[in-house]
Amino acid sequence: MATYHGITKAICLNCGKVTQEDTALEILNDLDPVCTGCNMHAIAWHTATGIVVTAQLDPDQEPTRYTILEEKGE
């Protein structure tokens, strides 16, 4: 399954916690995405077509978005 955003999995890049349940993914994505395991915002969002990382390394700045892998359709 996937959320309405197309997210299938979220992995915390700090502690490694994996979230795959749709409701938990929607809540994590819609709210301030801070890992419930370590309270950090460094998440790899997996979709059917790619991986995007959002990270807030400085608490005084907005999170930054990094596209890690994006598959192009044919």
PDB file of N, CA and C in Angstrom:
ATOM      1  N   MET A   1       0.843  -1.179   0.000  1.00  0.00           N
ATOM      2  CA  MET A   1       0.000   0.000   0.000  1.00  0.00           C
ATOM      3  C   MET A   1       0.891   1.247   0.000  1.00  0.00           C
ATOM      4  N   ALA A   2       0.265   2.400  -0.085  1.00  0.00           N
ATOM      5  CA  ALA A   2       0.976   3.670  -0.062  1.00  0.00           C
ATOM      6  C   ALA A   2       0.031   4.752   0.455  1.00  0.00           C
ATOM      7  N   THR A   3       0.605   5.812   0.985  1.00  0.00           N
ATOM      8  CA  THR A   3      -0.211   6.925   1.445  1.00  0.00           C
ATOM      9  C   THR A   3      -0.730   7.708   0.244  1.00  0.00           C
ATOM     10  N   TYR A   4      -1.569   8.701   0.496  1.00  0.00           N
ATOM     11  CA  TYR A   4      -2.082   9.517  -0.603  1.00  0.00           C
ATOM     12  C   TYR A   4      -0.981  10.349  -1.245  1.00  0.00           C
ATOM     13  N   HIS A   5       0.175  10.456  -0.606  1.00  0.00           N
ATOM     14  CA  HIS A   5       1.332  11.122  -1.201  1.00  0.00           C
ATOM     15  C   HIS A   5       2.193  10.138  -1.999  1.00  0.00           C
ATOM     16  N   GLY A   6       1.862   8.860  -1.917  1.00  0.00           N
ATOM     17  CA  GLY A   6       2.635   7.837  -2.611  1.00  0.00           C
ATOM     18  C   GLY A   6       3.786   7.275  -1.791  1.00  0.00           C
ATOM     19  N   ILE A   7       3.857   7.630  -0.517  1.00  0.00           N
ATOM     20  CA  ILE A   7       4.947   7.167   0.350  1.00  0.00           C
ATOM     21  C   ILE A   7       4.675   5.730   0.773  1.00  0.00           C
ATOM     22  N   THR A   8       5.685   4.874   0.633  1.00  0.00           N
ATOM     23  CA  THR A   8       5.550   3.472   1.018  1.00  0.00           C
ATOM     24  C   THR A   8       6.352   3.123   2.266  1.00  0.00           C
ATOM     25  N   LYS A   9       7.384   3.933   2.565  1.00  0.00           N
ATOM     26  CA  LYS A   9       8.235   3.632   3.721  1.00  0.00           C
ATOM     27  C   LYS A   9       8.996   4.893   4.108  1.00  0.00           C
ATOM     28  N   ALA A  10       9.242   5.043   5.415  1.00  0.00           N
ATOM     29  CA  ALA A  10      10.079   6.130   5.908  1.00  0.00           C
ATOM     30  C   ALA A  10      11.130   5.520   6.829  1.00  0.00           C
ATOM     31  N   ILE A  11      12.378   5.940   6.643  1.00  0.00           N
ATOM     32  CA  ILE A  11      13.480   5.435   7.462  1.00  0.00           C
ATOM     33  C   ILE A  11      14.183   6.619   8.112  1.00  0.00           C
ATOM     34  N   CYS A  12      14.354   6.558   9.434  1.00  0.00           N
ATOM     35  CA  CYS A  12      15.117   7.588  10.131  1.00  0.00           C
ATOM     36  C   CYS A  12      16.596   7.357   9.846  1.00  0.00           C
ATOM     37  N   LEU A  13      17.265   8.369   9.336  1.00  0.00           N
ATOM     38  CA  LEU A  13      18.681   8.230   9.003  1.00  0.00           C
ATOM     39  C   LEU A  13      19.581   8.386  10.229  1.00  0.00           C
ATOM     40  N   ASN A  14      18.990   8.739  11.362  1.00  0.00           N
ATOM     41  CA  ASN A  14      19.763   8.852  12.589  1.00  0.00           C
ATOM     42  C   ASN A  14      19.774   7.540  13.366  1.00  0.00           C
ATOM     43  N   CYS A  15      18.588   6.965  13.624  1.00  0.00           N
ATOM     44  CA  CYS A  15      18.526   5.751  14.450  1.00  0.00           C
ATOM     45  C   CYS A  15      18.129   4.499  13.674  1.00  0.00           C
ATOM     46  N   GLY A  16      17.660   4.662  12.416  1.00  0.00           N
ATOM     47  CA  GLY A  16      17.320   3.507  11.591  1.00  0.00           C
ATOM     48  C   GLY A  16      15.901   3.007  11.735  1.00  0.00           C
ATOM     49  N   LYS A  17      15.052   3.698  12.518  1.00  0.00           N
ATOM     50  CA  LYS A  17      13.669   3.252  12.686  1.00  0.00           C
ATOM     51  C   LYS A  17      12.948   3.280  11.346  1.00  0.00           C
ATOM     52  N   VAL A  18      12.235   2.194  11.033  1.00  0.00           N
ATOM     53  CA  VAL A  18      11.505   2.067   9.774  1.00  0.00           C
ATOM     54  C   VAL A  18      10.010   2.142  10.059  1.00  0.00           C
ATOM     55  N   THR A  19       9.294   2.943   9.277  1.00  0.00           N
ATOM     56  CA  THR A  19       7.842   3.060   9.376  1.00  0.00           C
ATOM     57  C   THR A  19       7.251   2.694   8.028  1.00  0.00           C
ATOM     58  N   GLN A  20       6.312   1.735   8.034  1.00  0.00           N
ATOM     59  CA  GLN A  20       5.687   1.307   6.784  1.00  0.00           C
ATOM     60  C   GLN A  20       4.162   1.298   6.840  1.00  0.00           C
ATOM     61  N   GLU A  21       3.583   1.513   8.002  1.00  0.00           N
ATOM     62  CA  GLU A  21       2.134   1.497   8.139  1.00  0.00           C
ATOM     63  C   GLU A  21       1.574   2.815   7.625  1.00  0.00           C
ATOM     64  N   ASP A  22       0.568   2.744   6.740  1.00  0.00           N
ATOM     65  CA  ASP A  22       0.067   3.933   6.043  1.00  0.00           C
ATOM     66  C   ASP A  22      -0.361   5.064   6.979  1.00  0.00           C
ATOM     67  N   THR A  23      -1.121   4.758   8.020  1.00  0.00           N
ATOM     68  CA  THR A  23      -1.597   5.809   8.926  1.00  0.00           C
ATOM     69  C   THR A  23      -0.420   6.486   9.622  1.00  0.00           C
ATOM     70  N   ALA A  24       0.551   5.722  10.078  1.00  0.00           N
ATOM     71  CA  ALA A  24       1.731   6.294  10.739  1.00  0.00           C
ATOM     72  C   ALA A  24       2.535   7.149   9.764  1.00  0.00           C
ATOM     73  N   LEU A  25       2.634   6.722   8.503  1.00  0.00           N
ATOM     74  CA  LEU A  25       3.344   7.504   7.487  1.00  0.00           C
ATOM     75  C   LEU A  25       2.637   8.827   7.205  1.00  0.00           C
ATOM     76  N   GLU A  26       1.305   8.785   7.123  1.00  0.00           N
ATOM     77  CA  GLU A  26       0.549  10.011   6.878  1.00  0.00           C
ATOM     78  C   GLU A  26       0.725  11.010   8.016  1.00  0.00           C
ATOM     79  N   ILE A  27       0.664  10.525   9.251  1.00  0.00           N
ATOM     80  CA  ILE A  27       0.851  11.400  10.407  1.00  0.00           C
ATOM     81  C   ILE A  27       2.263  11.969  10.412  1.00  0.00           C
ATOM     82  N   LEU A  28       3.253  11.142  10.177  1.00  0.00           N
ATOM     83  CA  LEU A  28       4.649  11.590  10.150  1.00  0.00           C
ATOM     84  C   LEU A  28       4.858  12.639   9.065  1.00  0.00           C
ATOM     85  N   ASN A  29       4.272  12.429   7.898  1.00  0.00           N
ATOM     86  CA  ASN A  29       4.445  13.355   6.789  1.00  0.00           C
ATOM     87  C   ASN A  29       3.669  14.663   6.993  1.00  0.00           C
ATOM     88  N   ASP A  30       2.454  14.574   7.532  1.00  0.00           N
ATOM     89  CA  ASP A  30       1.611  15.760   7.679  1.00  0.00           C
ATOM     90  C   ASP A  30       2.032  16.660   8.835  1.00  0.00           C
ATOM     91  N   LEU A  31       2.559  16.082   9.886  1.00  0.00           N
ATOM     92  CA  LEU A  31       3.018  16.861  11.017  1.00  0.00           C
ATOM     93  C   LEU A  31       4.505  17.143  10.845  1.00  0.00           C
ATOM     94  N   ASP A  32       5.115  17.754  11.822  1.00  0.00           N
ATOM     95  CA  ASP A  32       6.560  17.966  11.783  1.00  0.00           C
ATOM     96  C   ASP A  32       7.215  16.594  11.836  1.00  0.00           C
ATOM     97  N   PRO A  33       7.877  16.165  10.759  1.00  0.00           N
ATOM     98  CA  PRO A  33       8.362  14.788  10.705  1.00  0.00           C
ATOM     99  C   PRO A  33       9.605  14.539  11.577  1.00  0.00           C
ATOM    100  N   VAL A  34       9.358  14.353  12.855  1.00  0.00           N
ATOM    101  CA  VAL A  34      10.428  14.043  13.794  1.00  0.00           C
ATOM    102  C   VAL A  34      10.278  12.580  14.192  1.00  0.00           C
ATOM    103  N   CYS A  35      11.344  11.834  14.126  1.00  0.00           N
ATOM    104  CA  CYS A  35      11.325  10.412  14.470  1.00  0.00           C
ATOM    105  C   CYS A  35      10.882  10.227  15.919  1.00  0.00           C
ATOM    106  N   THR A  36       9.958   9.299  16.141  1.00  0.00           N
ATOM    107  CA  THR A  36       9.507   9.020  17.499  1.00  0.00           C
ATOM    108  C   THR A  36      10.533   8.207  18.279  1.00  0.00           C
ATOM    109  N   GLY A  37      11.531   7.678  17.583  1.00  0.00           N
ATOM    110  CA  GLY A  37      12.569   6.904  18.250  1.00  0.00           C
ATOM    111  C   GLY A  37      13.698   7.754  18.807  1.00  0.00           C
ATOM    112  N   CYS A  38      14.096   8.808  18.065  1.00  0.00           N
ATOM    113  CA  CYS A  38      15.259   9.600  18.492  1.00  0.00           C
ATOM    114  C   CYS A  38      15.017  11.107  18.484  1.00  0.00           C
ATOM    115  N   ASN A  39      13.808  11.528  18.059  1.00  0.00           N
ATOM    116  CA  ASN A  39      13.432  12.944  18.054  1.00  0.00           C
ATOM    117  C   ASN A  39      14.254  13.791  17.084  1.00  0.00           C
ATOM    118  N   MET A  40      14.764  13.187  16.019  1.00  0.00           N
ATOM    119  CA  MET A  40      15.514  13.903  14.983  1.00  0.00           C
ATOM    120  C   MET A  40      14.675  13.975  13.707  1.00  0.00           C
ATOM    121  N   HIS A  41      14.941  14.985  12.885  1.00  0.00           N
ATOM    122  CA  HIS A  41      14.290  15.086  11.586  1.00  0.00           C
ATOM    123  C   HIS A  41      15.351  14.831  10.518  1.00  0.00           C
ATOM    124  N   ALA A  42      15.491  13.577  10.167  1.00  0.00           N
ATOM    125  CA  ALA A  42      16.366  13.140   9.075  1.00  0.00           C
ATOM    126  C   ALA A  42      15.727  11.865   8.515  1.00  0.00           C
ATOM    127  N   ILE A  43      14.783  12.060   7.597  1.00  0.00           N
ATOM    128  CA  ILE A  43      13.932  10.970   7.127  1.00  0.00           C
ATOM    129  C   ILE A  43      14.153  10.698   5.641  1.00  0.00           C
ATOM    130  N   ALA A  44      14.323   9.432   5.292  1.00  0.00           N
ATOM    131  CA  ALA A  44      14.353   8.999   3.890  1.00  0.00           C
ATOM    132  C   ALA A  44      12.959   8.494   3.560  1.00  0.00           C
ATOM    133  N   TRP A  45      12.283   9.209   2.657  1.00  0.00           N
ATOM    134  CA  TRP A  45      10.924   8.868   2.242  1.00  0.00           C
ATOM    135  C   TRP A  45      11.000   8.025   0.964  1.00  0.00           C
ATOM    136  N   HIS A  46      10.501   6.805   1.017  1.00  0.00           N
ATOM    137  CA  HIS A  46      10.523   5.918  -0.147  1.00  0.00           C
ATOM    138  C   HIS A  46       9.161   5.941  -0.828  1.00  0.00           C
ATOM    139  N   THR A  47       9.171   6.070  -2.154  1.00  0.00           N
ATOM    140  CA  THR A  47       7.959   5.969  -2.960  1.00  0.00           C
ATOM    141  C   THR A  47       8.208   4.910  -4.027  1.00  0.00           C
ATOM    142  N   ALA A  48       7.224   4.684  -4.854  1.00  0.00           N
ATOM    143  CA  ALA A  48       7.381   3.703  -5.932  1.00  0.00           C
ATOM    144  C   ALA A  48       8.396   4.164  -6.966  1.00  0.00           C
ATOM    145  N   THR A  49       8.656   5.461  -7.048  1.00  0.00           N
ATOM    146  CA  THR A  49       9.534   5.976  -8.096  1.00  0.00           C
ATOM    147  C   THR A  49      10.827   6.600  -7.586  1.00  0.00           C
ATOM    148  N   GLY A  50      11.038   6.672  -6.296  1.00  0.00           N
ATOM    149  CA  GLY A  50      12.281   7.283  -5.834  1.00  0.00           C
ATOM    150  C   GLY A  50      12.385   7.390  -4.333  1.00  0.00           C
ATOM    151  N   ILE A  51      13.445   8.039  -3.915  1.00  0.00           N
ATOM    152  CA  ILE A  51      13.719   8.285  -2.503  1.00  0.00           C
ATOM    153  C   ILE A  51      14.040   9.763  -2.347  1.00  0.00           C
ATOM    154  N   VAL A  52      13.375  10.400  -1.386  1.00  0.00           N
ATOM    155  CA  VAL A  52      13.639  11.792  -1.066  1.00  0.00           C
ATOM    156  C   VAL A  52      13.972  11.865   0.412  1.00  0.00           C
ATOM    157  N   VAL A  53      14.998  12.632   0.750  1.00  0.00           N
ATOM    158  CA  VAL A  53      15.383  12.821   2.150  1.00  0.00           C
ATOM    159  C   VAL A  53      15.032  14.239   2.555  1.00  0.00           C
ATOM    160  N   THR A  54      14.398  14.375   3.714  1.00  0.00           N
ATOM    161  CA  THR A  54      14.210  15.687   4.316  1.00  0.00           C
ATOM    162  C   THR A  54      14.949  15.673   5.645  1.00  0.00           C
ATOM    163  N   ALA A  55      15.692  16.736   5.910  1.00  0.00           N
ATOM    164  CA  ALA A  55      16.481  16.781   7.139  1.00  0.00           C
ATOM    165  C   ALA A  55      16.533  18.192   7.690  1.00  0.00           C
ATOM    166  N   GLN A  56      16.425  18.301   8.989  1.00  0.00           N
ATOM    167  CA  GLN A  56      16.568  19.565   9.678  1.00  0.00           C
ATOM    168  C   GLN A  56      17.756  19.409  10.617  1.00  0.00           C
ATOM    169  N   LEU A  57      18.935  19.760  10.113  1.00  0.00           N
ATOM    170  CA  LEU A  57      20.157  19.573  10.873  1.00  0.00           C
ATOM    171  C   LEU A  57      20.403  20.718  11.840  1.00  0.00           C
ATOM    172  N   ASP A  58      19.827  21.877  11.543  1.00  0.00           N
ATOM    173  CA  ASP A  58      19.931  23.046  12.418  1.00  0.00           C
ATOM    174  C   ASP A  58      18.520  23.372  12.898  1.00  0.00           C
ATOM    175  N   PRO A  59      18.253  23.307  14.206  1.00  0.00           N
ATOM    176  CA  PRO A  59      16.882  23.531  14.697  1.00  0.00           C
ATOM    177  C   PRO A  59      16.344  24.930  14.417  1.00  0.00           C
ATOM    178  N   ASP A  60      17.201  25.875  14.068  1.00  0.00           N
ATOM    179  CA  ASP A  60      16.757  27.235  13.775  1.00  0.00           C
ATOM    180  C   ASP A  60      16.433  27.457  12.301  1.00  0.00           C
ATOM    181  N   GLN A  61      16.601  26.433  11.471  1.00  0.00           N
ATOM    182  CA  GLN A  61      16.342  26.567  10.036  1.00  0.00           C
ATOM    183  C   GLN A  61      15.268  25.578   9.596  1.00  0.00           C
ATOM    184  N   GLU A  62      14.656  25.870   8.463  1.00  0.00           N
ATOM    185  CA  GLU A  62      13.664  24.967   7.875  1.00  0.00           C
ATOM    186  C   GLU A  62      14.357  23.694   7.375  1.00  0.00           C
ATOM    187  N   PRO A  63      13.627  22.574   7.312  1.00  0.00           N
ATOM    188  CA  PRO A  63      14.213  21.346   6.765  1.00  0.00           C
ATOM    189  C   PRO A  63      14.616  21.516   5.310  1.00  0.00           C
ATOM    190  N   THR A  64      15.651  20.825   4.920  1.00  0.00           N
ATOM    191  CA  THR A  64      16.134  20.820   3.545  1.00  0.00           C
ATOM    192  C   THR A  64      15.700  19.527   2.884  1.00  0.00           C
ATOM    193  N   ARG A  65      15.361  19.597   1.599  1.00  0.00           N
ATOM    194  CA  ARG A  65      14.923  18.419   0.839  1.00  0.00           C
ATOM    195  C   ARG A  65      16.034  18.012  -0.123  1.00  0.00           C
ATOM    196  N   TYR A  66      16.357  16.725  -0.130  1.00  0.00           N
ATOM    197  CA  TYR A  66      17.382  16.171  -1.018  1.00  0.00           C
ATOM    198  C   TYR A  66      16.761  15.033  -1.808  1.00  0.00           C
ATOM    199  N   THR A  67      16.847  15.069  -3.137  1.00  0.00           N
ATOM    200  CA  THR A  67      16.386  13.946  -3.950  1.00  0.00           C
ATOM    201  C   THR A  67      17.559  12.990  -4.109  1.00  0.00           C
ATOM    202  N   ILE A  68      17.390  11.790  -3.595  1.00  0.00           N
ATOM    203  CA  ILE A  68      18.462  10.799  -3.604  1.00  0.00           C
ATOM    204  C   ILE A  68      18.388   9.931  -4.854  1.00  0.00           C
ATOM    205  N   LEU A  69      17.203   9.468  -5.179  1.00  0.00           N
ATOM    206  CA  LEU A  69      17.020   8.578  -6.324  1.00  0.00           C
ATOM    207  C   LEU A  69      15.677   8.890  -6.941  1.00  0.00           C
ATOM    208  N   GLU A  70      15.670   9.121  -8.198  1.00  0.00           N
ATOM    209  CA  GLU A  70      14.409   9.351  -8.889  1.00  0.00           C
ATOM    210  C   GLU A  70      14.430   8.595 -10.201  1.00  0.00           C
ATOM    211  N   GLU A  71      13.537   7.641 -10.328  1.00  0.00           N
ATOM    212  CA  GLU A  71      13.463   6.857 -11.549  1.00  0.00           C
ATOM    213  C   GLU A  71      12.572   7.570 -12.544  1.00  0.00           C
ATOM    214  N   LYS A  72      13.007   7.655 -13.773  1.00  0.00           N
ATOM    215  CA  LYS A  72      12.234   8.294 -14.833  1.00  0.00           C
ATOM    216  C   LYS A  72      11.352   7.268 -15.505  1.00  0.00           C
ATOM    217  N   GLY A  73      10.126   7.668 -15.782  1.00  0.00           N
ATOM    218  CA  GLY A  73       9.212   6.785 -16.511  1.00  0.00           C
ATOM    219  C   GLY A  73       9.630   6.688 -17.967  1.00  0.00           C
ATOM    220  N   GLU A  74       9.257   5.619 -18.606  1.00  0.00           N
ATOM    221  CA  GLU A  74       9.633   5.446 -20.008  1.00  0.00           C
ATOM    222  C   GLU A  74       8.604   5.996 -20.945  1.00  0.00           C
TER     223      GLU A  74
END
